[in-house]
Amino acid sequence: MTHAFYVYSAYGFAALLTIAVTLWVWADGRARRKELAVLEASGIRRRSARAKDGA
């Protein structure tokens, strides 16, 4: 094994993992937004969306 092969394979592996994690986070974010839309459509609201009258 040459030094260049080791370095390039390490960079490739790191890039692959970075892309995989980025795609995973993106897909999970979309899923959470869809889940939140379903909950809000059913009448469930976030606590931060309460009326400002103090209740």
N, C-alpha and C. Protein backbone atom coordinates (compact mmCIF):
# COMPACT_ATOMS: atom_id res chain seq x y z
N MET A 1 0.83 -1.18 0.00
CA MET A 1 0.00 0.00 0.00
C MET A 1 0.87 1.25 0.00
N THR A 2 0.52 2.15 -0.85
CA THR A 2 1.30 3.38 -0.90
C THR A 2 0.68 4.43 0.00
N HIS A 3 1.48 5.43 0.28
CA HIS A 3 1.01 6.52 1.12
C HIS A 3 -0.15 7.26 0.44
N ALA A 4 -0.05 7.50 -0.85
CA ALA A 4 -1.09 8.23 -1.58
C ALA A 4 -2.42 7.45 -1.55
N PHE A 5 -2.36 6.15 -1.71
CA PHE A 5 -3.58 5.34 -1.67
C PHE A 5 -4.26 5.48 -0.31
N TYR A 6 -3.50 5.44 0.74
CA TYR A 6 -4.04 5.58 2.09
C TYR A 6 -4.69 6.95 2.28
N VAL A 7 -4.01 7.99 1.86
CA VAL A 7 -4.52 9.35 2.03
C VAL A 7 -5.79 9.54 1.21
N TYR A 8 -5.77 9.15 -0.06
CA TYR A 8 -6.94 9.34 -0.92
C TYR A 8 -8.12 8.49 -0.46
N SER A 9 -7.86 7.30 0.01
CA SER A 9 -8.97 6.48 0.50
C SER A 9 -9.54 7.07 1.79
N ALA A 10 -8.71 7.64 2.63
CA ALA A 10 -9.21 8.27 3.86
C ALA A 10 -10.07 9.50 3.53
N TYR A 11 -9.60 10.32 2.58
CA TYR A 11 -10.40 11.47 2.16
C TYR A 11 -11.71 11.02 1.51
N GLY A 12 -11.68 9.98 0.72
CA GLY A 12 -12.88 9.47 0.08
C GLY A 12 -13.88 8.95 1.09
N PHE A 13 -13.38 8.23 2.07
CA PHE A 13 -14.25 7.70 3.12
C PHE A 13 -14.87 8.84 3.92
N ALA A 14 -14.08 9.85 4.26
CA ALA A 14 -14.59 11.00 5.00
C ALA A 14 -15.64 11.75 4.18
N ALA A 15 -15.41 11.90 2.88
CA ALA A 15 -16.37 12.58 2.02
C ALA A 15 -17.66 11.77 1.93
N LEU A 16 -17.54 10.46 1.80
CA LEU A 16 -18.72 9.59 1.73
C LEU A 16 -19.54 9.69 3.02
N LEU A 17 -18.89 9.66 4.15
CA LEU A 17 -19.60 9.79 5.42
C LEU A 17 -20.26 11.15 5.56
N THR A 18 -19.58 12.20 5.14
CA THR A 18 -20.14 13.54 5.21
C THR A 18 -21.39 13.65 4.35
N ILE A 19 -21.34 13.11 3.15
CA ILE A 19 -22.50 13.12 2.26
C ILE A 19 -23.64 12.29 2.85
N ALA A 20 -23.33 11.14 3.40
CA ALA A 20 -24.35 10.27 3.99
C ALA A 20 -25.04 10.95 5.16
N VAL A 21 -24.28 11.56 6.04
CA VAL A 21 -24.87 12.23 7.21
C VAL A 21 -25.70 13.43 6.76
N THR A 22 -25.22 14.18 5.78
CA THR A 22 -25.96 15.32 5.27
C THR A 22 -27.30 14.88 4.69
N LEU A 23 -27.30 13.83 3.89
CA LEU A 23 -28.55 13.31 3.31
C LEU A 23 -29.49 12.79 4.39
N TRP A 24 -28.95 12.13 5.38
CA TRP A 24 -29.75 11.60 6.48
C TRP A 24 -30.44 12.74 7.25
N VAL A 25 -29.68 13.79 7.57
CA VAL A 25 -30.24 14.92 8.30
C VAL A 25 -31.30 15.63 7.45
N TRP A 26 -31.05 15.78 6.15
CA TRP A 26 -32.01 16.41 5.25
C TRP A 26 -33.30 15.60 5.20
N ALA A 27 -33.19 14.29 5.02
CA ALA A 27 -34.36 13.43 4.93
C ALA A 27 -35.13 13.41 6.25
N ASP A 28 -34.43 13.38 7.36
CA ASP A 28 -35.08 13.38 8.66
C ASP A 28 -35.79 14.71 8.90
N GLY A 29 -35.19 15.81 8.48
CA GLY A 29 -35.83 17.12 8.61
C GLY A 29 -37.12 17.19 7.83
N ARG A 30 -37.12 16.65 6.62
CA ARG A 30 -38.35 16.61 5.82
C ARG A 30 -39.42 15.78 6.51
N ALA A 31 -39.02 14.65 7.07
CA ALA A 31 -39.97 13.78 7.76
C ALA A 31 -40.57 14.48 8.98
N ARG A 32 -39.73 15.20 9.75
CA ARG A 32 -40.23 15.90 10.93
C ARG A 32 -41.18 17.02 10.52
N ARG A 33 -40.88 17.75 9.43
CA ARG A 33 -41.77 18.82 8.97
C ARG A 33 -43.12 18.25 8.54
N LYS A 34 -43.11 17.11 7.85
CA LYS A 34 -44.37 16.47 7.46
C LYS A 34 -45.15 16.03 8.69
N GLU A 35 -44.46 15.46 9.65
CA GLU A 35 -45.10 15.03 10.90
C GLU A 35 -45.70 16.22 11.63
N LEU A 36 -44.98 17.32 11.69
CA LEU A 36 -45.47 18.53 12.35
C LEU A 36 -46.68 19.09 11.61
N ALA A 37 -46.67 19.06 10.28
CA ALA A 37 -47.82 19.54 9.51
C ALA A 37 -49.05 18.71 9.79
N VAL A 38 -48.89 17.40 9.91
CA VAL A 38 -50.03 16.53 10.23
C VAL A 38 -50.58 16.85 11.61
N LEU A 39 -49.70 17.05 12.58
CA LEU A 39 -50.15 17.38 13.94
C LEU A 39 -50.86 18.73 13.96
N GLU A 40 -50.30 19.73 13.28
CA GLU A 40 -50.93 21.04 13.27
C GLU A 40 -52.27 21.01 12.53
N ALA A 41 -52.37 20.20 11.48
CA ALA A 41 -53.63 20.07 10.75
C ALA A 41 -54.71 19.41 11.61
N SER A 42 -54.29 18.58 12.55
CA SER A 42 -55.26 17.91 13.42
C SER A 42 -55.64 18.78 14.62
N GLY A 43 -55.09 19.97 14.70
CA GLY A 43 -55.47 20.90 15.77
C GLY A 43 -54.47 21.00 16.89
N ILE A 44 -53.43 20.20 16.87
CA ILE A 44 -52.41 20.26 17.91
C ILE A 44 -51.44 21.38 17.55
N ARG A 45 -51.23 22.29 18.49
CA ARG A 45 -50.37 23.43 18.24
C ARG A 45 -49.13 23.37 19.15
N ARG A 46 -48.13 24.11 18.76
CA ARG A 46 -46.93 24.22 19.59
C ARG A 46 -47.19 25.17 20.75
N ARG A 47 -46.51 24.96 21.85
CA ARG A 47 -46.66 25.86 23.00
C ARG A 47 -46.23 27.27 22.64
N SER A 48 -45.24 27.40 21.77
CA SER A 48 -44.77 28.72 21.38
C SER A 48 -45.78 29.45 20.50
N ALA A 49 -46.80 28.75 20.00
CA ALA A 49 -47.82 29.37 19.15
C ALA A 49 -49.06 29.77 19.95
N ARG A 50 -48.98 29.74 21.27
CA ARG A 50 -50.14 30.12 22.11
C ARG A 50 -50.47 31.58 21.90
N ALA A 51 -51.69 31.91 22.26
CA ALA A 51 -52.13 33.29 22.19
C ALA A 51 -51.29 34.14 23.13
N LYS A 52 -51.12 35.39 22.78
CA LYS A 52 -50.28 36.29 23.57
C LYS A 52 -50.99 36.93 24.75
N ASP A 53 -52.20 36.46 25.09
CA ASP A 53 -52.98 37.06 26.18
C ASP A 53 -52.55 36.55 27.55
N GLY A 54 -51.53 35.75 27.61
CA GLY A 54 -51.02 35.26 28.89
C GLY A 54 -51.65 33.96 29.35
N ALA A 55 -52.54 33.42 28.58
CA ALA A 55 -53.21 32.16 28.98
C ALA A 55 -52.48 30.97 28.45
